[in-house]
Amino acid sequence: IDEGETPREALRRELLEEIGCDNVEVLGEYPEWISYDFSKVSRGKTYPFDGQTQKYFLVRLKEDAEINLDAYHIPEFKEYDFVCYEDLLKKVTYFKRPVYRRVIDYFIKEGLI
């Protein structure tokens, strides 16, 4: 989060940077910040950082939303896929799975998924 930015403002900025679109409806927010460590393999790419602390939101793209992974000069992603939440963990790198499971379980418990 940039200085002076709220988590929701950061969400919109990150969406624009990563998928070129912030045309979403925010359905929910995980109540806590969650930290995780990067895998030892990826730490070389993320030096000097060992992990991240993140805030998670559940969002839905609006009907007229258009994803553009090339919106910024250095794309963060090459491709994207829409999957049901049951299949999401199969697509996520192993060290993020416990965090994603925790967040998904919370949104299910809250009736948002």
Protein backbone atom coordinates (compact mmCIF):
# COMPACT_ATOMS: atom_id res chain seq x y z
CA ILE A 1 0.00 0.00 0.00
CA ASP A 2 1.35 3.37 -0.94
CA GLU A 3 1.65 6.05 1.71
CA GLY A 4 -1.70 7.71 2.39
CA GLU A 5 -3.61 5.02 0.48
CA THR A 6 -6.48 3.04 2.00
CA PRO A 7 -6.69 -0.73 1.41
CA ARG A 8 -9.60 -0.22 -1.01
CA GLU A 9 -7.71 2.44 -2.94
CA ALA A 10 -4.73 0.08 -3.11
CA LEU A 11 -7.04 -2.69 -4.35
CA ARG A 12 -8.20 -0.55 -7.27
CA ARG A 13 -4.66 0.58 -8.11
CA GLU A 14 -3.36 -2.99 -8.00
CA LEU A 15 -6.21 -4.21 -10.21
CA LEU A 16 -5.38 -1.54 -12.77
CA GLU A 17 -1.67 -2.40 -12.64
CA GLU A 18 -2.14 -6.17 -12.82
CA ILE A 19 -5.19 -6.71 -15.02
CA GLY A 20 -5.75 -3.27 -16.54
CA CYS A 21 -9.24 -3.03 -15.09
CA ASP A 22 -10.80 -1.85 -11.83
CA ASN A 23 -14.39 -2.22 -13.02
CA VAL A 24 -15.36 -4.50 -10.14
CA GLU A 25 -17.88 -4.82 -7.36
CA VAL A 26 -16.28 -5.41 -3.95
CA LEU A 27 -18.28 -8.23 -2.35
CA GLY A 28 -16.25 -8.73 0.81
CA GLU A 29 -13.07 -8.05 2.72
CA TYR A 30 -11.11 -10.49 4.86
CA PRO A 31 -11.00 -8.87 8.33
CA GLU A 32 -7.29 -9.38 9.00
CA TRP A 33 -3.98 -8.86 7.26
CA ILE A 34 -2.34 -12.19 6.39
CA SER A 35 1.40 -12.82 6.09
CA TYR A 36 3.17 -15.63 4.30
CA ASP A 37 6.76 -16.50 3.45
CA PHE A 38 8.00 -16.89 -0.10
CA SER A 39 9.33 -20.30 -1.09
CA LYS A 40 13.11 -20.71 -0.96
CA VAL A 41 13.11 -21.09 -4.75
CA SER A 42 11.40 -17.75 -5.35
CA ARG A 43 13.37 -15.78 -2.75
CA GLY A 44 16.12 -15.05 -5.25
CA LYS A 45 13.57 -13.25 -7.44
CA THR A 46 12.06 -11.37 -4.51
CA TYR A 47 15.25 -10.36 -2.69
CA PRO A 48 15.49 -8.58 -0.26
CA PHE A 49 11.98 -9.66 0.76
CA ASP A 50 11.25 -13.00 2.44
CA GLY A 51 7.47 -12.78 2.24
CA GLN A 52 4.43 -10.53 2.08
CA THR A 53 1.64 -9.25 4.25
CA GLN A 54 -1.57 -8.81 2.30
CA LYS A 55 -5.19 -7.74 2.60
CA TYR A 56 -7.70 -9.91 0.70
CA PHE A 57 -10.90 -8.82 -1.00
CA LEU A 58 -13.57 -10.77 -2.84
CA VAL A 59 -14.49 -8.93 -6.03
CA ARG A 60 -16.71 -9.59 -9.01
CA LEU A 61 -15.96 -8.20 -12.45
CA LYS A 62 -18.82 -6.10 -13.74
CA GLU A 63 -20.46 -7.27 -16.97
CA ASP A 64 -18.79 -4.63 -19.12
CA ALA A 65 -15.34 -5.11 -17.56
CA GLU A 66 -12.45 -5.83 -19.92
CA ILE A 67 -9.20 -7.38 -18.75
CA ASN A 68 -6.04 -6.09 -20.42
CA LEU A 69 -2.84 -7.72 -19.16
CA ASP A 70 -0.78 -5.38 -21.36
CA ALA A 71 -2.20 -2.18 -19.85
CA TYR A 72 1.14 -1.36 -18.22
CA HIS A 73 4.56 -1.44 -19.83
CA ILE A 74 5.76 -4.38 -17.71
CA PRO A 75 2.91 -6.94 -17.48
CA GLU A 76 2.77 -8.91 -14.24
CA PHE A 77 0.86 -11.80 -15.80
CA LYS A 78 0.98 -13.61 -19.14
CA GLU A 79 -2.49 -15.14 -18.97
CA TYR A 80 -5.53 -15.54 -16.76
CA ASP A 81 -8.23 -18.12 -16.25
CA PHE A 82 -11.64 -18.11 -14.61
CA VAL A 83 -12.05 -21.09 -12.28
CA CYS A 84 -14.52 -22.08 -9.60
CA TYR A 85 -13.26 -21.68 -6.07
CA GLU A 86 -13.08 -25.46 -5.62
CA ASP A 87 -10.40 -25.61 -8.33
CA LEU A 88 -8.52 -22.47 -7.35
CA LEU A 89 -6.07 -24.15 -4.97
CA LYS A 90 -4.92 -26.48 -7.75
CA LYS A 91 -3.75 -23.42 -9.71
CA VAL A 92 -1.99 -21.60 -6.85
CA THR A 93 1.66 -22.09 -5.96
CA TYR A 94 2.03 -24.40 -2.96
CA PHE A 95 3.26 -21.86 -0.40
CA LYS A 96 0.17 -19.66 -0.90
CA ARG A 97 -2.38 -22.47 -0.61
CA PRO A 98 -2.93 -22.31 3.17
CA VAL A 99 -3.60 -18.57 2.96
CA TYR A 100 -5.99 -18.93 0.03
CA ARG A 101 -7.81 -21.79 1.78
CA ARG A 102 -8.24 -19.63 4.89
CA VAL A 103 -9.61 -16.69 2.90
CA ILE A 104 -11.94 -18.85 0.78
CA ASP A 105 -13.26 -20.60 3.89
CA TYR A 106 -13.98 -17.21 5.46
CA PHE A 107 -15.92 -15.96 2.42
CA ILE A 108 -17.88 -19.24 2.31
CA LYS A 109 -18.71 -18.94 6.03
CA GLU A 110 -19.88 -15.37 5.44
CA GLY A 111 -22.18 -16.55 2.61
CA LEU A 112 -20.29 -14.56 -0.03
CA ILE A 113 -19.31 -17.60 -2.09
